[in-house]
Amino acid sequence: QYKILLYSLDGRLLSTYRAYEWSLGIKSIAWSPSSQFLAIGSYDEKVRILNHVTWKKIIEFEHPATIANTKTIVYKEVEKSPSVETERLSFSPARALASSLFSTESKYDIPQVPVSLQYIKPVADRANPKMGIGMLAFSPDNCYLATKNDNIPNAVWIWDIKKLKLFVVLEQLCAIQSFQWDPRQPRLAVCTGNSKVYLWSPAGCVSVQVPAEGDFPIVSLSWHSSGDSMVLLSKDNFCVCYLEREEV
């Protein structure tokens, strides 16, 4: 059911929040790093943001299958040989690395809106239906919120928390397995079960091929607390991905 209860440490019930009744309720929650916001993802494909003073709803984010707002940027993954401008990346790879990293067959196009995303109608009579907001994460600087709507499994939604608006949608070729923010800056790493890791920052988006022998399907990832490296996990193996720091 849809019910969230907020307690103080001495056991007092501070507040109760319920958006609707008689339907599948809360699927995921996330605190903002500043503790000012609590994001609640629900089975009705919406994220509701509560404030930390009155515990009332500030705004509701919907996840429609068509992106129509001209101010929203959609990055669509396509399979071709890319021409990535390394100067515009949020991290600068060494030149020797750059040629190998970006000789991958995947890059991002920016299509004109409206853009229709791949929508899957869930089977309603099964347990744990693939619907609603399954993943939520705030960026470390409190500026962005990344979400995944399980009805649209190939997309990551990035919301601008200062403006309370949808900022970017990443549409991948495969379903999103995991995403996590760099702990030091607004940079999101995404994996989709193939041998690539995808990095988004406000400067742009890039797809990086993992130079592993054979197939290396990445199902999960975890950043180092310094933000200089991350662990990429497949079912049986893991590798460490090092990112060079930007020259100051």
C-alpha atoms as a PDB file:
ATOM      1  CA  GLN A   1       0.000   0.000   0.000  1.00  0.00           C
ATOM      2  CA  TYR A   2       1.018   3.630  -0.328  1.00  0.00           C
ATOM      3  CA  LYS A   3       2.142   4.794   3.103  1.00  0.00           C
ATOM      4  CA  ILE A   4       5.342   6.443   4.285  1.00  0.00           C
ATOM      5  CA  LEU A   5       5.950   7.118   7.984  1.00  0.00           C
ATOM      6  CA  LEU A   6       8.570   9.566   9.264  1.00  0.00           C
ATOM      7  CA  TYR A   7       9.871   9.121  12.808  1.00  0.00           C
ATOM      8  CA  SER A   8      12.285  11.102  14.971  1.00  0.00           C
ATOM      9  CA  LEU A   9      15.024   9.140  16.754  1.00  0.00           C
ATOM     10  CA  ASP A  10      13.121   9.268  20.052  1.00  0.00           C
ATOM     11  CA  GLY A  11      10.258   7.343  18.457  1.00  0.00           C
ATOM     12  CA  ARG A  12       7.766  10.159  17.799  1.00  0.00           C
ATOM     13  CA  LEU A  13       5.775   9.849  14.577  1.00  0.00           C
ATOM     14  CA  LEU A  14       6.515  13.159  12.838  1.00  0.00           C
ATOM     15  CA  SER A  15       4.357  12.706   9.766  1.00  0.00           C
ATOM     16  CA  THR A  16       2.563  10.252   7.491  1.00  0.00           C
ATOM     17  CA  TYR A  17       2.281  10.653   3.725  1.00  0.00           C
ATOM     18  CA  ARG A  18      -0.083   8.840   1.398  1.00  0.00           C
ATOM     19  CA  ALA A  19      -0.575   9.849  -2.250  1.00  0.00           C
ATOM     20  CA  TYR A  20      -3.334   7.362  -3.127  1.00  0.00           C
ATOM     21  CA  GLU A  21      -5.019   4.203  -1.837  1.00  0.00           C
ATOM     22  CA  TRP A  22      -6.205   0.769  -3.037  1.00  0.00           C
ATOM     23  CA  SER A  23      -3.367   0.216  -5.483  1.00  0.00           C
ATOM     24  CA  LEU A  24       0.305  -0.803  -5.530  1.00  0.00           C
ATOM     25  CA  GLY A  25       2.166   1.924  -3.684  1.00  0.00           C
ATOM     26  CA  ILE A  26       5.787   2.866  -2.997  1.00  0.00           C
ATOM     27  CA  LYS A  27       8.567   1.165  -4.945  1.00  0.00           C
ATOM     28  CA  SER A  28      11.689   3.230  -4.125  1.00  0.00           C
ATOM     29  CA  ILE A  29      12.787   6.175  -1.966  1.00  0.00           C
ATOM     30  CA  ALA A  30      15.899   8.379  -1.797  1.00  0.00           C
ATOM     31  CA  TRP A  31      17.039  11.205   0.473  1.00  0.00           C
ATOM     32  CA  SER A  32      18.798  14.189  -1.062  1.00  0.00           C
ATOM     33  CA  PRO A  33      22.367  14.683   0.289  1.00  0.00           C
ATOM     34  CA  SER A  34      21.279  17.935   1.995  1.00  0.00           C
ATOM     35  CA  SER A  35      18.347  16.077   3.678  1.00  0.00           C
ATOM     36  CA  GLN A  36      15.977  18.786   2.382  1.00  0.00           C
ATOM     37  CA  PHE A  37      14.091  16.469   0.023  1.00  0.00           C
ATOM     38  CA  LEU A  38      12.704  12.966   0.154  1.00  0.00           C
ATOM     39  CA  ALA A  39      11.987  11.470  -3.286  1.00  0.00           C
ATOM     40  CA  ILE A  40       9.353   8.712  -3.436  1.00  0.00           C
ATOM     41  CA  GLY A  41       9.031   6.519  -6.517  1.00  0.00           C
ATOM     42  CA  SER A  42       5.694   4.773  -6.954  1.00  0.00           C
ATOM     43  CA  TYR A  43       4.040   2.101  -9.058  1.00  0.00           C
ATOM     44  CA  ASP A  44       1.954   4.805 -10.805  1.00  0.00           C
ATOM     45  CA  GLU A  45       5.112   5.895 -12.750  1.00  0.00           C
ATOM     46  CA  LYS A  46       5.517   9.122 -10.755  1.00  0.00           C
ATOM     47  CA  VAL A  47       8.127  10.550  -8.386  1.00  0.00           C
ATOM     48  CA  ARG A  48       6.883  12.776  -5.585  1.00  0.00           C
ATOM     49  CA  ILE A  49       9.274  15.117  -3.767  1.00  0.00           C
ATOM     50  CA  LEU A  50       8.517  15.951  -0.118  1.00  0.00           C
ATOM     51  CA  ASN A  51      10.136  18.832   1.788  1.00  0.00           C
ATOM     52  CA  HIS A  52      11.779  18.272   5.187  1.00  0.00           C
ATOM     53  CA  VAL A  53       9.892  21.000   7.080  1.00  0.00           C
ATOM     54  CA  THR A  54       6.209  20.132   6.660  1.00  0.00           C
ATOM     55  CA  TRP A  55       6.667  16.747   4.878  1.00  0.00           C
ATOM     56  CA  LYS A  56       4.228  17.952   2.228  1.00  0.00           C
ATOM     57  CA  LYS A  57       4.621  17.301  -1.488  1.00  0.00           C
ATOM     58  CA  ILE A  58       6.558  19.998  -3.370  1.00  0.00           C
ATOM     59  CA  ILE A  59       6.189  18.547  -6.870  1.00  0.00           C
ATOM     60  CA  GLU A  60       5.275  15.425  -8.798  1.00  0.00           C
ATOM     61  CA  PHE A  61       7.427  14.188 -11.705  1.00  0.00           C
ATOM     62  CA  GLU A  62       5.642  12.163 -14.397  1.00  0.00           C
ATOM     63  CA  HIS A  63       7.440   9.788 -16.791  1.00  0.00           C
ATOM     64  CA  PRO A  64       5.468   9.838 -20.073  1.00  0.00           C
ATOM     65  CA  ALA A  65       6.442   7.715 -23.098  1.00  0.00           C
ATOM     66  CA  THR A  66       6.727  10.822 -25.309  1.00  0.00           C
ATOM     67  CA  ILE A  67       9.146  13.672 -24.552  1.00  0.00           C
ATOM     68  CA  ALA A  68       7.571  16.809 -25.995  1.00  0.00           C
ATOM     69  CA  ASN A  69       9.227  19.703 -24.117  1.00  0.00           C
ATOM     70  CA  THR A  70      11.744  21.507 -26.360  1.00  0.00           C
ATOM     71  CA  LYS A  71      13.911  22.376 -23.318  1.00  0.00           C
ATOM     72  CA  THR A  72      14.539  18.689 -22.552  1.00  0.00           C
ATOM     73  CA  ILE A  73      17.625  17.158 -24.199  1.00  0.00           C
ATOM     74  CA  VAL A  74      17.285  13.537 -25.326  1.00  0.00           C
ATOM     75  CA  TYR A  75      20.493  11.545 -25.859  1.00  0.00           C
ATOM     76  CA  LYS A  76      19.686   8.493 -27.988  1.00  0.00           C
ATOM     77  CA  GLU A  77      22.276   5.711 -28.176  1.00  0.00           C
ATOM     78  CA  VAL A  78      22.950   4.553 -31.741  1.00  0.00           C
ATOM     79  CA  GLU A  79      25.333   1.927 -33.056  1.00  0.00           C
ATOM     80  CA  LYS A  80      27.866   3.541 -35.398  1.00  0.00           C
ATOM     81  CA  SER A  81      31.484   4.588 -35.277  1.00  0.00           C
ATOM     82  CA  PRO A  82      31.352   7.827 -33.260  1.00  0.00           C
ATOM     83  CA  SER A  83      33.207  11.096 -33.653  1.00  0.00           C
ATOM     84  CA  VAL A  84      33.563  12.254 -30.053  1.00  0.00           C
ATOM     85  CA  GLU A  85      35.009  15.685 -29.361  1.00  0.00           C
ATOM     86  CA  THR A  86      37.294  14.926 -26.438  1.00  0.00           C
ATOM     87  CA  GLU A  87      37.605  18.629 -25.580  1.00  0.00           C
ATOM     88  CA  ARG A  88      33.937  18.736 -24.565  1.00  0.00           C
ATOM     89  CA  LEU A  89      34.019  15.719 -22.252  1.00  0.00           C
ATOM     90  CA  SER A  90      33.714  16.064 -18.502  1.00  0.00           C
ATOM     91  CA  PHE A  91      36.992  14.129 -18.215  1.00  0.00           C
ATOM     92  CA  SER A  92      39.935  14.320 -20.607  1.00  0.00           C
ATOM     93  CA  PRO A  93      41.338  10.930 -21.676  1.00  0.00           C
ATOM     94  CA  ALA A  94      44.989  10.641 -22.677  1.00  0.00           C
ATOM     95  CA  ARG A  95      45.410  10.813 -26.442  1.00  0.00           C
ATOM     96  CA  ALA A  96      46.658   7.256 -26.738  1.00  0.00           C
ATOM     97  CA  LEU A  97      43.653   6.065 -24.769  1.00  0.00           C
ATOM     98  CA  ALA A  98      41.194   8.286 -26.592  1.00  0.00           C
ATOM     99  CA  SER A  99      41.617   6.513 -29.920  1.00  0.00           C
ATOM    100  CA  SER A 100      40.970   3.101 -28.356  1.00  0.00           C
ATOM    101  CA  LEU A 101      38.181   4.260 -26.026  1.00  0.00           C
ATOM    102  CA  PHE A 102      36.117   5.919 -28.719  1.00  0.00           C
ATOM    103  CA  SER A 103      36.600   3.406 -31.521  1.00  0.00           C
ATOM    104  CA  THR A 104      33.478   1.778 -30.137  1.00  0.00           C
ATOM    105  CA  GLU A 105      30.368   1.164 -32.209  1.00  0.00           C
ATOM    106  CA  SER A 106      28.113   3.188 -29.959  1.00  0.00           C
ATOM    107  CA  LYS A 107      27.521   6.929 -29.714  1.00  0.00           C
ATOM    108  CA  TYR A 108      24.756   9.381 -28.844  1.00  0.00           C
ATOM    109  CA  ASP A 109      22.522  11.295 -31.224  1.00  0.00           C
ATOM    110  CA  ILE A 110      20.365  14.225 -30.110  1.00  0.00           C
ATOM    111  CA  PRO A 111      17.022  13.825 -31.942  1.00  0.00           C
ATOM    112  CA  GLN A 112      14.474  16.616 -32.323  1.00  0.00           C
ATOM    113  CA  VAL A 113      11.574  16.510 -29.866  1.00  0.00           C
ATOM    114  CA  PRO A 114       8.950  15.090 -29.688  1.00  0.00           C
ATOM    115  CA  VAL A 115      10.724  11.768 -29.072  1.00  0.00           C
ATOM    116  CA  SER A 116       8.812   8.538 -28.404  1.00  0.00           C
ATOM    117  CA  LEU A 117      10.484   6.188 -25.921  1.00  0.00           C
ATOM    118  CA  GLN A 118      10.097   2.421 -25.962  1.00  0.00           C
ATOM    119  CA  TYR A 119       7.195   1.667 -23.583  1.00  0.00           C
ATOM    120  CA  ILE A 120       6.354  -1.797 -22.237  1.00  0.00           C
ATOM    121  CA  LYS A 121       2.831  -2.446 -21.035  1.00  0.00           C
ATOM    122  CA  PRO A 122       3.183  -4.471 -17.815  1.00  0.00           C
ATOM    123  CA  VAL A 123       1.374  -7.738 -17.192  1.00  0.00           C
ATOM    124  CA  ALA A 124      -0.932  -6.608 -14.386  1.00  0.00           C
ATOM    125  CA  ASP A 125      -1.949 -10.024 -12.991  1.00  0.00           C
ATOM    126  CA  ARG A 126       1.622 -11.190 -12.201  1.00  0.00           C
ATOM    127  CA  ALA A 127       3.525 -10.669  -8.950  1.00  0.00           C
ATOM    128  CA  ASN A 128       6.158  -7.891  -8.943  1.00  0.00           C
ATOM    129  CA  PRO A 129       5.051  -6.312 -12.233  1.00  0.00           C
ATOM    130  CA  LYS A 130       7.723  -4.400 -14.172  1.00  0.00           C
ATOM    131  CA  MET A 131       6.151  -1.002 -13.729  1.00  0.00           C
ATOM    132  CA  GLY A 132       6.732   2.162 -11.749  1.00  0.00           C
ATOM    133  CA  ILE A 133       9.836   3.948 -10.489  1.00  0.00           C
ATOM    134  CA  GLY A 134      12.350   1.238  -9.606  1.00  0.00           C
ATOM    135  CA  MET A 135      15.499   3.356  -9.206  1.00  0.00           C
ATOM    136  CA  LEU A 136      16.160   6.835  -7.732  1.00  0.00           C
ATOM    137  CA  ALA A 137      19.394   8.693  -6.912  1.00  0.00           C
ATOM    138  CA  PHE A 138      20.299  12.301  -6.113  1.00  0.00           C
ATOM    139  CA  SER A 139      23.599  13.757  -7.323  1.00  0.00           C
ATOM    140  CA  PRO A 140      26.130  14.592  -4.556  1.00  0.00           C
ATOM    141  CA  ASP A 141      25.738  18.364  -5.102  1.00  0.00           C
ATOM    142  CA  ASN A 142      21.937  18.114  -4.704  1.00  0.00           C
ATOM    143  CA  CYS A 143      21.400  19.569  -8.209  1.00  0.00           C
ATOM    144  CA  TYR A 144      20.086  16.517 -10.084  1.00  0.00           C
ATOM    145  CA  LEU A 145      17.874  13.483  -9.538  1.00  0.00           C
ATOM    146  CA  ALA A 146      18.235  10.394 -11.750  1.00  0.00           C
ATOM    147  CA  THR A 147      15.240   8.051 -12.072  1.00  0.00           C
ATOM    148  CA  LYS A 148      14.230   4.922 -13.960  1.00  0.00           C
ATOM    149  CA  ASN A 149      10.644   4.067 -14.853  1.00  0.00           C
ATOM    150  CA  ASP A 150      10.413   0.275 -15.225  1.00  0.00           C
ATOM    151  CA  ASN A 151       7.696   0.673 -17.879  1.00  0.00           C
ATOM    152  CA  ILE A 152      10.338   2.411 -20.035  1.00  0.00           C
ATOM    153  CA  PRO A 153      13.299   0.131 -19.216  1.00  0.00           C
ATOM    154  CA  ASN A 154      15.850   1.644 -21.628  1.00  0.00           C
ATOM    155  CA  ALA A 155      15.709   5.246 -20.332  1.00  0.00           C
ATOM    156  CA  VAL A 156      17.345   7.230 -17.523  1.00  0.00           C
ATOM    157  CA  TRP A 157      15.589  10.478 -16.584  1.00  0.00           C
ATOM    158  CA  ILE A 158      17.689  13.305 -15.116  1.00  0.00           C
ATOM    159  CA  TRP A 159      15.753  16.067 -13.344  1.00  0.00           C
ATOM    160  CA  ASP A 160      17.061  19.542 -12.512  1.00  0.00           C
ATOM    161  CA  ILE A 161      16.274  19.961  -8.792  1.00  0.00           C
ATOM    162  CA  LYS A 162      16.904  23.731  -8.757  1.00  0.00           C
ATOM    163  CA  LYS A 163      14.301  24.312 -11.483  1.00  0.00           C
ATOM    164  CA  LEU A 164      12.212  21.201 -10.618  1.00  0.00           C
ATOM    165  CA  LYS A 165      12.061  20.265 -14.300  1.00  0.00           C
ATOM    166  CA  LEU A 166      13.120  17.395 -16.558  1.00  0.00           C
ATOM    167  CA  PHE A 167      16.592  18.224 -17.872  1.00  0.00           C
ATOM    168  CA  VAL A 168      17.872  15.197 -19.824  1.00  0.00           C
ATOM    169  CA  VAL A 169      16.685  11.752 -20.915  1.00  0.00           C
ATOM    170  CA  LEU A 170      19.212   9.076 -21.913  1.00  0.00           C
ATOM    171  CA  GLU A 171      17.655   6.448 -24.172  1.00  0.00           C
ATOM    172  CA  GLN A 172      19.844   3.353 -24.363  1.00  0.00           C
ATOM    173  CA  LEU A 173      19.689   0.407 -26.777  1.00  0.00           C
ATOM    174  CA  CYS A 174      19.424  -2.067 -23.850  1.00  0.00           C
ATOM    175  CA  ALA A 175      17.582  -2.013 -20.528  1.00  0.00           C
ATOM    176  CA  ILE A 176      19.185  -0.053 -17.667  1.00  0.00           C
ATOM    177  CA  GLN A 177      20.785  -2.417 -15.138  1.00  0.00           C
ATOM    178  CA  SER A 178      22.285   0.107 -12.745  1.00  0.00           C
ATOM    179  CA  PHE A 179      23.338   3.726 -12.377  1.00  0.00           C
ATOM    180  CA  GLN A 180      25.320   5.619  -9.733  1.00  0.00           C
ATOM    181  CA  TRP A 181      26.520   9.203  -9.260  1.00  0.00           C
ATOM    182  CA  ASP A 182      30.194  10.120  -8.968  1.00  0.00           C
ATOM    183  CA  PRO A 183      30.518  11.030  -5.235  1.00  0.00           C
ATOM    184  CA  ARG A 184      32.540  14.180  -6.018  1.00  0.00           C
ATOM    185  CA  GLN A 185      30.753  15.828  -8.957  1.00  0.00           C
ATOM    186  CA  PRO A 186      27.517  15.653 -10.971  1.00  0.00           C
ATOM    187  CA  ARG A 187      28.569  12.782 -13.238  1.00  0.00           C
ATOM    188  CA  LEU A 188      26.367   9.720 -13.677  1.00  0.00           C
ATOM    189  CA  ALA A 189      27.666   6.279 -14.671  1.00  0.00           C
ATOM    190  CA  VAL A 190      25.162   3.915 -16.296  1.00  0.00           C
ATOM    191  CA  CYS A 191      25.408   0.258 -17.347  1.00  0.00           C
ATOM    192  CA  THR A 192      22.991  -1.728 -19.509  1.00  0.00           C
ATOM    193  CA  GLY A 193      24.271  -5.315 -19.400  1.00  0.00           C
ATOM    194  CA  ASN A 194      26.709  -4.929 -22.319  1.00  0.00           C
ATOM    195  CA  SER A 195      30.474  -4.277 -22.251  1.00  0.00           C
ATOM    196  CA  LYS A 196      30.136  -0.474 -22.238  1.00  0.00           C
ATOM    197  CA  VAL A 197      29.893   2.070 -19.451  1.00  0.00           C
ATOM    198  CA  TYR A 198      28.029   5.308 -20.161  1.00  0.00           C
ATOM    199  CA  LEU A 199      28.920   8.595 -18.479  1.00  0.00           C
ATOM    200  CA  TRP A 200      26.697  11.667 -18.387  1.00  0.00           C
ATOM    201  CA  SER A 201      27.593  15.088 -17.021  1.00  0.00           C
ATOM    202  CA  PRO A 202      26.114  18.540 -17.762  1.00  0.00           C
ATOM    203  CA  ALA A 203      28.893  18.869 -20.405  1.00  0.00           C
ATOM    204  CA  GLY A 204      27.552  15.902 -22.388  1.00  0.00           C
ATOM    205  CA  CYS A 205      27.353  12.163 -22.724  1.00  0.00           C
ATOM    206  CA  VAL A 206      29.875   9.505 -23.715  1.00  0.00           C
ATOM    207  CA  SER A 207      29.924   5.742 -24.238  1.00  0.00           C
ATOM    208  CA  VAL A 208      33.130   3.895 -23.261  1.00  0.00           C
ATOM    209  CA  GLN A 209      33.978   0.342 -24.359  1.00  0.00           C
ATOM    210  CA  VAL A 210      35.574  -1.811 -21.644  1.00  0.00           C
ATOM    211  CA  PRO A 211      38.805  -3.160 -23.189  1.00  0.00           C
ATOM    212  CA  ALA A 212      38.297  -6.678 -21.834  1.00  0.00           C
ATOM    213  CA  GLU A 213      38.964  -9.900 -23.695  1.00  0.00           C
ATOM    214  CA  GLY A 214      35.760 -11.607 -24.749  1.00  0.00           C
ATOM    215  CA  ASP A 215      32.319 -10.615 -23.520  1.00  0.00           C
ATOM    216  CA  PHE A 216      32.071  -8.521 -20.339  1.00  0.00           C
ATOM    217  CA  PRO A 217      28.388  -7.792 -19.617  1.00  0.00           C
ATOM    218  CA  ILE A 218      28.319  -5.075 -16.919  1.00  0.00           C
ATOM    219  CA  VAL A 219      25.367  -5.597 -14.582  1.00  0.00           C
ATOM    220  CA  SER A 220      26.417  -3.280 -11.748  1.00  0.00           C
ATOM    221  CA  LEU A 221      28.950  -0.581 -10.901  1.00  0.00           C
ATOM    222  CA  SER A 222      30.297   1.258  -7.871  1.00  0.00           C
ATOM    223  CA  TRP A 223      32.313   4.488  -7.668  1.00  0.00           C
ATOM    224  CA  HIS A 224      35.405   4.935  -5.501  1.00  0.00           C
ATOM    225  CA  SER A 225      34.864   7.673  -2.896  1.00  0.00           C
ATOM    226  CA  SER A 226      37.517   9.832  -4.664  1.00  0.00           C
ATOM    227  CA  GLY A 227      35.544   9.798  -7.943  1.00  0.00           C
ATOM    228  CA  ASP A 228      38.733   8.799  -9.832  1.00  0.00           C
ATOM    229  CA  SER A 229      37.764   5.190 -10.472  1.00  0.00           C
ATOM    230  CA  MET A 230      34.903   2.713 -10.360  1.00  0.00           C
ATOM    231  CA  VAL A 231      34.406  -1.025 -10.166  1.00  0.00           C
ATOM    232  CA  LEU A 232      32.447  -2.597 -13.032  1.00  0.00           C
ATOM    233  CA  LEU A 233      30.828  -5.924 -12.161  1.00  0.00           C
ATOM    234  CA  SER A 234      29.718  -8.718 -14.465  1.00  0.00           C
ATOM    235  CA  LYS A 235      28.181 -11.974 -13.262  1.00  0.00           C
ATOM    236  CA  ASP A 236      31.525 -13.736 -12.721  1.00  0.00           C
ATOM    237  CA  ASN A 237      34.208 -11.021 -12.980  1.00  0.00           C
ATOM    238  CA  PHE A 238      34.931  -7.419 -12.152  1.00  0.00           C
ATOM    239  CA  CYS A 239      37.331  -4.805 -13.460  1.00  0.00           C
ATOM    240  CA  VAL A 240      38.466  -1.405 -12.229  1.00  0.00           C
ATOM    241  CA  CYS A 241      37.920   1.579 -14.517  1.00  0.00           C
ATOM    242  CA  TYR A 242      40.271   4.538 -13.908  1.00  0.00           C
ATOM    243  CA  LEU A 243      39.285   8.033 -14.988  1.00  0.00           C
ATOM    244  CA  GLU A 244      41.921  10.711 -15.460  1.00  0.00           C
ATOM    245  CA  ARG A 245      41.309  13.922 -13.544  1.00  0.00           C
ATOM    246  CA  GLU A 246      40.703  17.096 -15.494  1.00  0.00           C
ATOM    247  CA  GLU A 247      43.730  19.387 -15.590  1.00  0.00           C
ATOM    248  CA  VAL A 248      43.006  22.374 -13.333  1.00  0.00           C
END
